[in-house]
Amino acid sequence: MGLPSNCQAAVNWIDEQLAKPNIYDFNLGNGVIVNDLHKCLTTKRERILEMSNYNQKIVFLHTKLIKDKLTNG
């Protein structure tokens, strides 16, 4: 069974972000600070590819929160 399309899109987006300059001390909101965006996204990418079902969905949603914050400020 292959990777769901939404997860594949998240992996593609992560790859695009990793090609850009890194962001340090990124404030995600609600008291969450990402100290190294590239390291965070690399971990999310690995987890999306290796996990399945519920855990994969949770990592996908965390990635979507980061994307929404970067896109909408």
N, C-alpha and C. Protein backbone atom coordinates (compact mmCIF):
# COMPACT_ATOMS: atom_id res chain seq x y z
N MET A 1 0.84 -1.19 0.00
CA MET A 1 0.00 0.00 0.00
C MET A 1 0.88 1.24 0.00
N GLY A 2 0.57 2.18 -0.86
CA GLY A 2 1.38 3.37 -1.01
C GLY A 2 1.02 4.46 -0.01
N LEU A 3 1.73 5.52 -0.08
CA LEU A 3 1.52 6.67 0.77
C LEU A 3 0.25 7.41 0.34
N PRO A 4 -0.63 7.79 1.28
CA PRO A 4 -1.83 8.55 0.89
C PRO A 4 -1.43 9.86 0.20
N SER A 5 -2.28 10.35 -0.67
CA SER A 5 -1.94 11.53 -1.48
C SER A 5 -1.69 12.76 -0.62
N ASN A 6 -2.43 12.93 0.47
CA ASN A 6 -2.20 14.11 1.32
C ASN A 6 -0.83 14.02 2.01
N CYS A 7 -0.43 12.83 2.39
CA CYS A 7 0.88 12.65 3.01
C CYS A 7 1.99 12.85 1.98
N GLN A 8 1.78 12.39 0.76
CA GLN A 8 2.78 12.61 -0.29
C GLN A 8 2.93 14.10 -0.57
N ALA A 9 1.81 14.83 -0.57
CA ALA A 9 1.87 16.27 -0.77
C ALA A 9 2.64 16.94 0.38
N ALA A 10 2.46 16.45 1.60
CA ALA A 10 3.18 17.00 2.75
C ALA A 10 4.69 16.74 2.60
N VAL A 11 5.06 15.55 2.17
CA VAL A 11 6.48 15.22 1.96
C VAL A 11 7.06 16.12 0.87
N ASN A 12 6.32 16.33 -0.20
CA ASN A 12 6.79 17.22 -1.28
C ASN A 12 6.98 18.65 -0.77
N TRP A 13 6.04 19.12 0.05
CA TRP A 13 6.13 20.47 0.61
C TRP A 13 7.36 20.57 1.53
N ILE A 14 7.58 19.55 2.35
CA ILE A 14 8.74 19.53 3.24
C ILE A 14 10.02 19.61 2.42
N ASP A 15 10.10 18.84 1.35
CA ASP A 15 11.29 18.87 0.49
C ASP A 15 11.54 20.27 -0.06
N GLU A 16 10.47 20.97 -0.44
CA GLU A 16 10.60 22.34 -0.93
C GLU A 16 11.13 23.26 0.16
N GLN A 17 10.63 23.09 1.39
CA GLN A 17 11.06 23.94 2.50
C GLN A 17 12.52 23.68 2.88
N LEU A 18 12.95 22.44 2.76
CA LEU A 18 14.33 22.10 3.11
C LEU A 18 15.33 22.69 2.12
N ALA A 19 14.86 23.05 0.93
CA ALA A 19 15.73 23.68 -0.07
C ALA A 19 15.88 25.18 0.20
N LYS A 20 15.03 25.73 1.06
CA LYS A 20 15.08 27.16 1.40
C LYS A 20 15.98 27.36 2.61
N PRO A 21 16.37 28.62 2.86
CA PRO A 21 17.18 28.88 4.07
C PRO A 21 16.42 28.48 5.35
N ASN A 22 17.18 28.03 6.33
CA ASN A 22 16.60 27.57 7.58
C ASN A 22 16.05 28.74 8.40
N ILE A 23 15.06 28.45 9.23
CA ILE A 23 14.48 29.43 10.15
C ILE A 23 14.73 28.91 11.56
N TYR A 24 15.27 29.78 12.40
CA TYR A 24 15.53 29.41 13.79
C TYR A 24 14.55 30.16 14.69
N ASP A 25 14.19 29.55 15.80
CA ASP A 25 13.27 30.13 16.78
C ASP A 25 11.96 30.56 16.13
N PHE A 26 11.35 29.64 15.43
CA PHE A 26 10.07 29.84 14.75
C PHE A 26 8.95 29.64 15.76
N ASN A 27 8.13 30.67 15.98
CA ASN A 27 7.04 30.61 16.95
C ASN A 27 5.79 30.06 16.28
N LEU A 28 5.43 28.85 16.65
CA LEU A 28 4.25 28.19 16.08
C LEU A 28 2.97 28.66 16.75
N GLY A 29 3.09 29.24 17.92
CA GLY A 29 1.93 29.72 18.67
C GLY A 29 1.58 28.77 19.80
N ASN A 30 0.75 29.23 20.70
CA ASN A 30 0.33 28.45 21.87
C ASN A 30 1.51 27.93 22.68
N GLY A 31 2.57 28.72 22.74
CA GLY A 31 3.73 28.35 23.54
C GLY A 31 4.68 27.37 22.89
N VAL A 32 4.50 27.08 21.61
CA VAL A 32 5.37 26.13 20.91
C VAL A 32 6.39 26.90 20.07
N ILE A 33 7.66 26.68 20.37
CA ILE A 33 8.76 27.30 19.63
C ILE A 33 9.54 26.20 18.94
N VAL A 34 9.74 26.33 17.63
CA VAL A 34 10.56 25.38 16.87
C VAL A 34 11.95 26.02 16.76
N ASN A 35 12.94 25.40 17.39
CA ASN A 35 14.29 25.97 17.42
C ASN A 35 15.02 25.86 16.09
N ASP A 36 14.73 24.83 15.32
CA ASP A 36 15.40 24.59 14.04
C ASP A 36 14.37 23.99 13.09
N LEU A 37 13.86 24.80 12.17
CA LEU A 37 12.78 24.35 11.30
C LEU A 37 13.21 23.18 10.42
N HIS A 38 14.41 23.21 9.89
CA HIS A 38 14.86 22.11 9.02
C HIS A 38 14.93 20.79 9.77
N LYS A 39 15.44 20.81 10.99
CA LYS A 39 15.52 19.59 11.77
C LYS A 39 14.11 19.08 12.09
N CYS A 40 13.21 19.98 12.43
CA CYS A 40 11.83 19.61 12.73
C CYS A 40 11.17 18.98 11.50
N LEU A 41 11.31 19.62 10.34
CA LEU A 41 10.68 19.11 9.13
C LEU A 41 11.31 17.81 8.66
N THR A 42 12.61 17.65 8.86
CA THR A 42 13.27 16.40 8.50
C THR A 42 12.69 15.25 9.33
N THR A 43 12.48 15.50 10.61
CA THR A 43 11.89 14.50 11.49
C THR A 43 10.45 14.19 11.08
N LYS A 44 9.68 15.22 10.77
CA LYS A 44 8.30 15.02 10.32
C LYS A 44 8.26 14.19 9.04
N ARG A 45 9.19 14.48 8.13
CA ARG A 45 9.25 13.74 6.86
C ARG A 45 9.49 12.25 7.10
N GLU A 46 10.47 11.96 7.94
CA GLU A 46 10.79 10.57 8.25
C GLU A 46 9.60 9.87 8.89
N ARG A 47 8.92 10.56 9.80
CA ARG A 47 7.79 9.95 10.49
C ARG A 47 6.61 9.72 9.55
N ILE A 48 6.36 10.65 8.64
CA ILE A 48 5.27 10.45 7.67
C ILE A 48 5.56 9.21 6.82
N LEU A 49 6.82 9.05 6.41
CA LEU A 49 7.18 7.93 5.55
C LEU A 49 7.19 6.60 6.29
N GLU A 50 7.53 6.60 7.57
CA GLU A 50 7.70 5.35 8.31
C GLU A 50 6.49 4.91 9.12
N MET A 51 5.67 5.86 9.56
CA MET A 51 4.53 5.51 10.40
C MET A 51 3.31 5.21 9.54
N SER A 52 2.28 4.72 10.18
CA SER A 52 1.05 4.43 9.44
C SER A 52 -0.16 4.77 10.29
N ASN A 53 -1.29 4.83 9.63
CA ASN A 53 -2.59 5.05 10.26
C ASN A 53 -2.63 6.29 11.14
N TYR A 54 -3.04 6.13 12.39
CA TYR A 54 -3.27 7.25 13.29
C TYR A 54 -2.01 8.10 13.49
N ASN A 55 -0.89 7.46 13.75
CA ASN A 55 0.35 8.20 13.99
C ASN A 55 0.76 9.03 12.78
N GLN A 56 0.58 8.47 11.59
CA GLN A 56 0.90 9.19 10.36
C GLN A 56 -0.01 10.41 10.21
N LYS A 57 -1.27 10.25 10.56
CA LYS A 57 -2.22 11.37 10.47
C LYS A 57 -1.87 12.49 11.43
N ILE A 58 -1.43 12.13 12.64
CA ILE A 58 -1.04 13.14 13.62
C ILE A 58 0.17 13.94 13.13
N VAL A 59 1.17 13.26 12.59
CA VAL A 59 2.36 13.95 12.07
C VAL A 59 1.98 14.81 10.87
N PHE A 60 1.07 14.32 10.03
CA PHE A 60 0.59 15.11 8.90
C PHE A 60 -0.06 16.40 9.40
N LEU A 61 -0.90 16.30 10.42
CA LEU A 61 -1.58 17.48 10.96
C LEU A 61 -0.59 18.47 11.58
N HIS A 62 0.44 17.98 12.26
CA HIS A 62 1.48 18.87 12.80
C HIS A 62 2.18 19.60 11.66
N THR A 63 2.46 18.87 10.59
CA THR A 63 3.11 19.48 9.42
C THR A 63 2.20 20.54 8.81
N LYS A 64 0.92 20.26 8.73
CA LYS A 64 -0.04 21.22 8.18
C LYS A 64 -0.10 22.49 9.03
N LEU A 65 -0.02 22.34 10.35
CA LEU A 65 0.00 23.52 11.24
C LEU A 65 1.21 24.39 10.94
N ILE A 66 2.35 23.76 10.75
CA ILE A 66 3.58 24.51 10.43
C ILE A 66 3.42 25.21 9.08
N LYS A 67 2.90 24.49 8.09
CA LYS A 67 2.70 25.09 6.77
C LYS A 67 1.74 26.26 6.83
N ASP A 68 0.63 26.10 7.52
CA ASP A 68 -0.35 27.19 7.64
C ASP A 68 0.27 28.42 8.32
N LYS A 69 1.07 28.19 9.36
CA LYS A 69 1.70 29.31 10.07
C LYS A 69 2.71 30.01 9.17
N LEU A 70 3.49 29.25 8.41
CA LEU A 70 4.46 29.86 7.49
C LEU A 70 3.78 30.62 6.36
N THR A 71 2.67 30.08 5.89
CA THR A 71 1.95 30.70 4.75
C THR A 71 1.17 31.92 5.18
N ASN A 72 0.48 31.82 6.30
CA ASN A 72 -0.42 32.90 6.72
C ASN A 72 0.16 33.82 7.77
N GLY A 73 1.32 33.48 8.28
CA GLY A 73 1.97 34.33 9.28
C GLY A 73 1.38 34.19 10.58
